[in-house]
N, C-alpha and C. Protein backbone atom coordinates (compact mmCIF):
# COMPACT_ATOMS: atom_id res chain seq x y z
N MET A 1 24.13 2.45 64.29
CA MET A 1 23.94 4.12 63.09
C MET A 1 22.81 4.49 63.53
N ILE A 2 22.65 5.91 63.19
CA ILE A 2 21.52 7.21 63.67
C ILE A 2 20.74 6.71 62.65
N SER A 3 18.59 7.05 63.17
CA SER A 3 18.40 7.23 61.96
C SER A 3 18.31 7.97 61.01
N LYS A 4 17.72 7.34 59.98
CA LYS A 4 17.42 8.48 58.56
C LYS A 4 16.39 9.49 58.74
N GLN A 5 15.81 9.50 59.75
CA GLN A 5 15.36 10.98 60.36
C GLN A 5 15.91 11.83 60.87
N LEU A 6 16.59 11.17 62.17
CA LEU A 6 17.82 12.16 62.34
C LEU A 6 18.72 12.89 61.62
N LYS A 7 19.45 11.88 60.74
CA LYS A 7 20.35 12.43 59.45
C LYS A 7 19.72 13.52 58.56
N ASP A 8 18.35 13.34 58.37
CA ASP A 8 17.88 14.29 57.34
C ASP A 8 17.58 15.54 57.96
N SER A 9 17.42 15.12 59.58
CA SER A 9 17.13 16.67 59.81
C SER A 9 18.71 17.55 60.48
N MET A 10 19.63 16.68 60.11
CA MET A 10 20.61 17.68 60.24
C MET A 10 21.32 18.61 59.53
N GLY A 11 21.58 19.81 60.10
CA GLY A 11 22.49 20.23 58.63
C GLY A 11 23.82 20.96 59.84
N ILE A 12 24.88 21.29 58.85
CA ILE A 12 26.10 21.72 58.96
C ILE A 12 26.13 23.11 60.24
N ASP A 13 26.22 23.05 61.46
CA ASP A 13 25.68 24.02 62.13
C ASP A 13 27.39 25.16 62.25
N HIS A 14 28.46 24.40 62.10
CA HIS A 14 29.97 26.00 61.73
C HIS A 14 30.84 24.26 61.27
N ILE A 15 31.45 25.76 60.28
CA ILE A 15 32.70 24.61 59.92
C ILE A 15 34.05 26.31 60.50
N VAL A 16 34.79 25.97 61.30
CA VAL A 16 36.42 26.71 61.55
C VAL A 16 37.22 26.05 60.40
N PHE A 17 38.27 27.17 60.14
CA PHE A 17 38.75 27.39 58.88
C PHE A 17 39.87 28.11 59.58
N THR A 18 41.55 27.64 59.29
CA THR A 18 42.74 28.60 59.97
C THR A 18 42.84 28.96 58.68
N ALA A 19 43.38 30.21 58.93
CA ALA A 19 43.70 31.34 58.27
C ALA A 19 45.03 31.92 58.34
N ILE A 20 45.68 32.60 56.88
CA ILE A 20 47.21 32.98 57.27
C ILE A 20 46.94 34.45 58.16
N ASP A 21 46.47 34.87 57.59
CA ASP A 21 45.81 35.83 57.80
C ASP A 21 44.42 36.57 58.44
N VAL A 22 43.45 36.73 59.25
CA VAL A 22 42.56 36.62 59.93
C VAL A 22 42.33 38.32 59.14
N GLN A 23 43.08 39.27 59.10
CA GLN A 23 42.46 40.24 59.21
C GLN A 23 42.18 40.61 57.53
N GLU A 24 43.21 39.58 57.05
CA GLU A 24 42.81 39.86 55.37
C GLU A 24 41.96 39.03 54.86
N THR A 25 41.30 38.08 55.61
CA THR A 25 40.49 37.25 55.35
C THR A 25 38.82 38.00 56.27
N GLU A 26 39.04 38.49 56.71
CA GLU A 26 37.92 39.28 57.07
C GLU A 26 37.70 40.48 56.01
N ILE A 27 38.52 41.14 55.59
CA ILE A 27 38.26 41.76 54.13
C ILE A 27 37.70 41.12 53.49
N PHE A 28 37.85 40.19 53.26
CA PHE A 28 37.52 39.72 51.80
C PHE A 28 36.32 38.77 51.99
N TYR A 29 35.83 38.13 53.17
CA TYR A 29 34.74 37.66 53.25
C TYR A 29 33.42 38.55 53.54
N THR A 30 34.04 39.94 54.00
CA THR A 30 33.00 41.23 54.19
C THR A 30 32.46 41.74 52.82
N LYS A 31 33.55 41.36 51.83
CA LYS A 31 32.76 42.12 50.30
C LYS A 31 32.03 41.52 49.88
N ILE A 32 31.87 40.05 50.31
CA ILE A 32 31.21 39.05 49.57
C ILE A 32 29.97 39.01 50.44
N PHE A 33 29.76 38.68 51.92
CA PHE A 33 28.67 38.70 52.91
C PHE A 33 28.41 39.53 53.69
N GLY A 34 29.00 41.15 53.66
CA GLY A 34 29.07 42.16 54.53
C GLY A 34 29.71 41.85 55.74
N GLU A 35 29.01 42.51 56.68
CA GLU A 35 30.08 42.36 58.16
C GLU A 35 30.16 41.19 58.77
N PRO A 36 30.89 41.02 59.44
CA PRO A 36 30.70 39.39 60.14
C PRO A 36 29.92 39.78 60.98
N ASN A 37 29.68 38.52 61.63
CA ASN A 37 28.30 38.07 62.91
C ASN A 37 29.17 38.51 64.34
N PHE A 38 30.89 38.07 63.86
CA PHE A 38 31.26 38.49 65.41
C PHE A 38 33.15 38.50 64.63
N SER A 39 33.68 39.17 65.06
CA SER A 39 35.07 40.17 65.19
C SER A 39 35.62 40.28 66.03
N LYS A 40 37.13 39.49 66.25
CA LYS A 40 38.31 40.00 67.09
C LYS A 40 39.39 39.98 66.47
N PRO A 41 40.33 39.74 67.11
CA PRO A 41 41.91 40.19 66.26
C PRO A 41 42.07 38.66 65.68
N ASN A 42 41.71 37.65 66.64
CA ASN A 42 42.27 36.46 66.06
C ASN A 42 41.08 35.51 65.45
N VAL A 43 40.49 36.13 65.62
CA VAL A 43 39.00 34.99 64.78
C VAL A 43 38.19 36.05 64.02
N VAL A 44 37.00 35.22 63.26
CA VAL A 44 35.78 36.53 62.96
C VAL A 44 35.01 34.98 61.98
N MET A 45 33.56 35.81 62.87
CA MET A 45 32.70 34.73 61.82
C MET A 45 31.47 35.07 61.42
N TYR A 46 31.49 34.64 60.25
CA TYR A 46 30.48 34.88 59.06
C TYR A 46 28.65 34.01 59.39
N ASN A 47 27.41 34.01 59.69
CA ASN A 47 26.69 33.30 59.76
C ASN A 47 26.05 33.42 57.58
N VAL A 48 26.23 32.28 57.19
CA VAL A 48 25.49 32.48 55.85
C VAL A 48 24.45 30.71 55.94
N GLY A 49 23.87 31.27 55.64
CA GLY A 49 22.22 30.48 56.16
C GLY A 49 22.10 29.95 57.36
N GLN A 50 22.37 29.05 57.37
CA GLN A 50 22.56 28.19 58.60
C GLN A 50 23.78 27.90 59.44
N THR A 51 24.30 27.80 58.53
CA THR A 51 26.37 27.61 59.22
C THR A 51 27.03 28.65 59.53
N GLY A 52 27.63 28.36 60.74
CA GLY A 52 28.41 29.38 60.79
C GLY A 52 30.33 29.22 60.02
N LEU A 53 30.93 30.30 59.40
CA LEU A 53 31.73 30.51 58.88
C LEU A 53 32.73 30.70 59.84
N ILE A 54 33.90 30.29 60.59
CA ILE A 54 34.55 31.02 61.44
C ILE A 54 36.12 30.46 60.95
N PHE A 55 36.82 32.07 61.03
CA PHE A 55 38.06 31.92 60.35
C PHE A 55 38.70 32.12 61.24
N ILE A 56 39.93 31.59 61.99
CA ILE A 56 40.82 31.74 63.51
C ILE A 56 42.47 31.71 62.65
N GLN A 57 43.15 32.08 63.42
CA GLN A 57 44.78 32.98 62.79
C GLN A 57 45.27 31.97 62.89
N LYS A 58 46.28 31.39 61.95
CA LYS A 58 47.46 30.24 62.00
C LYS A 58 48.23 30.81 63.01
N ASP A 59 48.79 29.51 63.76
CA ASP A 59 49.95 30.13 64.10
C ASP A 59 51.27 30.05 63.50
N LYS A 60 51.51 31.04 64.00
CA LYS A 60 52.53 32.18 62.65
C LYS A 60 53.85 31.37 63.44
N SER A 61 53.99 30.38 64.17
CA SER A 61 55.00 29.70 64.94
C SER A 61 55.66 28.35 63.72
N ASN A 62 54.29 28.23 63.24
CA ASN A 62 54.70 26.54 62.11
C ASN A 62 54.46 27.53 61.08
N PRO A 63 55.87 27.24 60.36
CA PRO A 63 56.43 27.46 59.28
C PRO A 63 56.28 26.01 58.09
N LEU A 64 56.16 25.26 58.54
CA LEU A 64 55.72 23.95 57.93
C LEU A 64 55.09 24.47 56.66
N ILE A 65 53.70 25.19 56.88
CA ILE A 65 52.64 25.48 55.76
C ILE A 65 52.23 26.78 55.57
N LYS A 66 52.33 27.70 54.13
CA LYS A 66 52.36 29.06 53.88
C LYS A 66 50.81 29.25 53.54
N LYS A 67 50.29 27.89 52.72
CA LYS A 67 49.49 28.31 52.04
C LYS A 67 48.25 27.15 51.89
N PHE A 68 47.27 27.47 51.56
CA PHE A 68 46.45 25.55 51.77
C PHE A 68 46.68 25.28 50.55
N ASP A 69 46.43 24.12 50.43
CA ASP A 69 46.88 23.21 49.12
C ASP A 69 45.98 21.95 49.34
N PRO A 70 44.90 21.95 48.56
CA PRO A 70 43.44 21.27 48.25
C PRO A 70 44.39 20.01 47.55
N THR A 71 45.18 19.87 46.95
CA THR A 71 45.70 18.35 46.74
C THR A 71 46.23 17.21 47.96
N VAL A 72 46.34 17.99 48.94
CA VAL A 72 46.80 16.81 50.09
C VAL A 72 45.62 16.32 50.88
N ILE A 73 45.24 15.69 52.03
CA ILE A 73 44.58 14.77 52.63
C ILE A 73 44.13 16.16 53.36
N GLY A 74 42.43 16.47 52.77
CA GLY A 74 41.72 17.18 53.85
C GLY A 74 40.41 17.78 53.31
N LEU A 75 40.07 19.15 53.01
CA LEU A 75 39.19 19.49 52.20
C LEU A 75 40.18 19.90 50.71
N GLU A 76 38.84 20.12 50.08
CA GLU A 76 39.52 20.06 48.83
C GLU A 76 38.58 21.43 48.07
N HIS A 77 37.47 21.49 48.55
CA HIS A 77 36.66 22.65 48.46
C HIS A 77 35.49 22.74 49.54
N PHE A 78 34.44 23.98 49.65
CA PHE A 78 33.82 23.53 49.99
C PHE A 78 32.80 24.88 49.17
N ALA A 79 31.11 24.03 49.28
CA ALA A 79 30.35 25.10 48.13
C ALA A 79 29.18 25.67 48.49
N PHE A 80 28.37 26.96 48.58
CA PHE A 80 27.09 27.26 48.47
C PHE A 80 25.95 26.92 48.00
N GLY A 81 25.20 26.10 48.04
CA GLY A 81 24.71 26.02 47.37
C GLY A 81 23.43 27.10 46.78
N LEU A 82 23.29 27.47 45.67
CA LEU A 82 22.31 28.35 45.50
C LEU A 82 21.06 27.82 44.40
N LYS A 83 19.91 28.55 44.36
CA LYS A 83 18.64 27.77 43.67
C LYS A 83 18.62 28.10 42.48
N ASN A 84 19.09 29.18 41.47
CA ASN A 84 19.05 29.65 40.72
C ASN A 84 19.82 30.57 39.84
N LEU A 85 19.82 30.30 38.41
CA LEU A 85 20.81 31.01 37.80
C LEU A 85 21.44 32.87 38.21
N GLU A 86 19.87 33.13 38.73
CA GLU A 86 19.72 34.31 38.95
C GLU A 86 21.03 35.15 40.49
N GLU A 87 20.33 34.00 41.31
CA GLU A 87 21.03 33.99 42.35
C GLU A 87 22.70 33.98 42.00
N LEU A 88 23.30 33.18 40.93
CA LEU A 88 24.83 32.77 40.87
C LEU A 88 24.63 34.04 40.17
N GLN A 89 24.20 34.76 39.41
CA GLN A 89 24.85 36.02 38.28
C GLN A 89 24.98 36.94 39.90
N GLN A 90 24.29 37.32 40.54
CA GLN A 90 24.48 38.30 41.78
C GLN A 90 25.53 38.03 41.98
N VAL A 91 25.76 36.93 42.46
CA VAL A 91 27.56 36.37 43.21
C VAL A 91 28.00 37.14 42.39
N GLU A 92 28.28 36.48 40.99
CA GLU A 92 29.09 37.01 40.08
C GLU A 92 29.32 38.60 40.15
N ASP A 93 28.52 39.36 40.37
CA ASP A 93 28.04 40.89 40.35
C ASP A 93 28.84 41.31 41.04
N VAL A 94 28.61 40.62 42.43
CA VAL A 94 29.47 40.93 43.69
C VAL A 94 31.01 41.07 43.53
N LEU A 95 30.97 39.83 43.15
CA LEU A 95 32.24 39.25 43.16
C LEU A 95 33.78 40.09 41.93
N THR A 96 32.74 40.83 40.90
CA THR A 96 32.81 41.32 39.91
C THR A 96 33.31 42.78 40.53
N GLU A 97 32.22 43.66 40.94
CA GLU A 97 32.36 44.73 41.57
C GLU A 97 33.67 44.82 42.45
N ASN A 98 34.03 43.87 43.50
CA ASN A 98 35.07 43.91 44.66
C ASN A 98 36.04 43.50 43.82
N LYS A 99 36.20 43.19 42.61
CA LYS A 99 37.45 43.04 42.00
C LYS A 99 37.91 41.59 42.66
N ILE A 100 37.21 40.57 42.69
CA ILE A 100 37.53 39.59 43.62
C ILE A 100 38.07 38.59 41.91
N GLU A 101 38.77 38.01 42.16
CA GLU A 101 38.98 36.82 41.19
C GLU A 101 38.53 35.70 41.27
N ASN A 102 38.06 35.70 40.35
CA ASN A 102 36.83 34.18 39.91
C ASN A 102 36.76 33.45 38.72
N SER A 103 36.14 32.28 38.62
CA SER A 103 36.18 31.48 37.36
C SER A 103 35.00 32.42 36.34
N GLY A 104 34.24 33.04 36.87
CA GLY A 104 32.96 33.46 36.23
C GLY A 104 32.15 32.27 36.34
N ILE A 105 30.97 32.28 35.37
CA ILE A 105 30.37 31.42 35.49
C ILE A 105 30.66 30.53 34.52
N HIS A 106 30.53 29.55 34.68
CA HIS A 106 30.90 28.52 33.74
C HIS A 106 30.06 26.75 34.31
N ILE A 107 29.81 25.79 33.28
CA ILE A 107 29.33 24.14 33.65
C ILE A 107 30.28 23.89 34.18
N ASP A 108 29.78 23.24 35.56
CA ASP A 108 30.66 21.86 35.57
C ASP A 108 30.72 20.64 35.25
N LYS A 109 31.88 20.18 34.84
CA LYS A 109 32.43 19.44 33.63
C LYS A 109 31.95 18.01 34.48
N ASP A 110 31.34 17.32 35.26
CA ASP A 110 30.73 16.19 35.84
C ASP A 110 29.10 16.48 36.40
N SER A 111 28.97 17.77 37.06
CA SER A 111 27.68 17.72 37.25
C SER A 111 26.45 18.15 35.97
N GLY A 112 27.27 19.17 35.09
CA GLY A 112 26.67 19.66 34.37
C GLY A 112 25.80 20.99 34.84
N LYS A 113 26.16 21.40 35.77
CA LYS A 113 25.18 22.69 36.37
C LYS A 113 26.49 24.07 36.68
N GLU A 114 25.70 24.72 36.31
CA GLU A 114 26.76 26.42 36.64
C GLU A 114 27.31 26.45 38.22
N LYS A 115 28.22 26.65 38.04
CA LYS A 115 29.00 27.50 38.93
C LYS A 115 30.05 28.36 39.28
N ILE A 116 30.27 28.69 40.29
CA ILE A 116 31.58 29.69 40.30
C ILE A 116 32.72 29.61 41.19
N TRP A 117 33.99 29.14 41.17
CA TRP A 117 35.10 29.32 42.02
C TRP A 117 35.92 30.36 41.89
N LEU A 118 36.35 30.26 43.32
CA LEU A 118 37.58 31.24 43.54
C LEU A 118 38.12 31.19 45.06
N ASN A 119 39.13 30.97 45.12
CA ASN A 119 39.99 31.35 46.25
C ASN A 119 40.34 32.79 46.87
N ASP A 120 40.20 32.04 48.37
CA ASP A 120 40.14 33.17 49.75
C ASP A 120 41.80 33.53 50.08
N PRO A 121 41.92 34.11 50.44
CA PRO A 121 43.29 35.14 51.06
C PRO A 121 44.39 33.54 51.57
N SER A 122 43.57 32.53 52.13
CA SER A 122 44.36 31.39 52.24
C SER A 122 44.62 30.08 51.23
N ASN A 123 44.01 30.88 49.96
CA ASN A 123 44.27 29.74 48.82
C ASN A 123 43.06 28.34 48.95
N ILE A 124 42.01 28.84 49.82
CA ILE A 124 41.04 27.61 50.11
C ILE A 124 40.31 28.42 49.00
N ARG A 125 39.62 26.92 48.18
CA ARG A 125 38.74 26.89 47.52
C ARG A 125 37.46 27.21 47.90
N ILE A 126 36.28 27.63 47.47
CA ILE A 126 35.14 28.15 47.28
C ILE A 126 34.43 28.32 45.83
N GLU A 127 33.28 27.38 46.10
CA GLU A 127 32.37 27.65 45.12
C GLU A 127 31.27 27.61 45.21
N PHE A 128 30.23 28.43 44.28
CA PHE A 128 29.12 29.01 44.57
C PHE A 128 28.29 28.41 43.34
N TYR A 129 27.52 27.23 43.51
CA TYR A 129 27.32 26.36 43.05
C TYR A 129 25.18 26.06 42.80
N LEU A 130 25.07 25.88 41.41
CA LEU A 130 23.19 25.48 41.69
C LEU A 130 23.42 24.30 41.71
């Protein structure tokens, strides 16, 4: 087992997602985070805090999966942590201004904390969470 000190010093460097359409995904995330840090026809990357979000183009020859399904084994959703309600309100304002469908600020039934959720173009669930 790694030491508690090492575990506590770690963070998520990057997460790679397979997207149905990288160009559509880039348009979506650019509305939220601004211009990507890296972009090519089949890959786009955003730095959010200390974490890189990387989206790569789905292999179009694989017809089995058309959209992300959070009910199967694998990723259910990922969440960006925010410090206060004002930050969450700023996110909600950006989503509203860009006509990005979302849940609006509401209380999470399990934690009792405020959050917003939405789905990206590949149907991947995203939360902004206090």
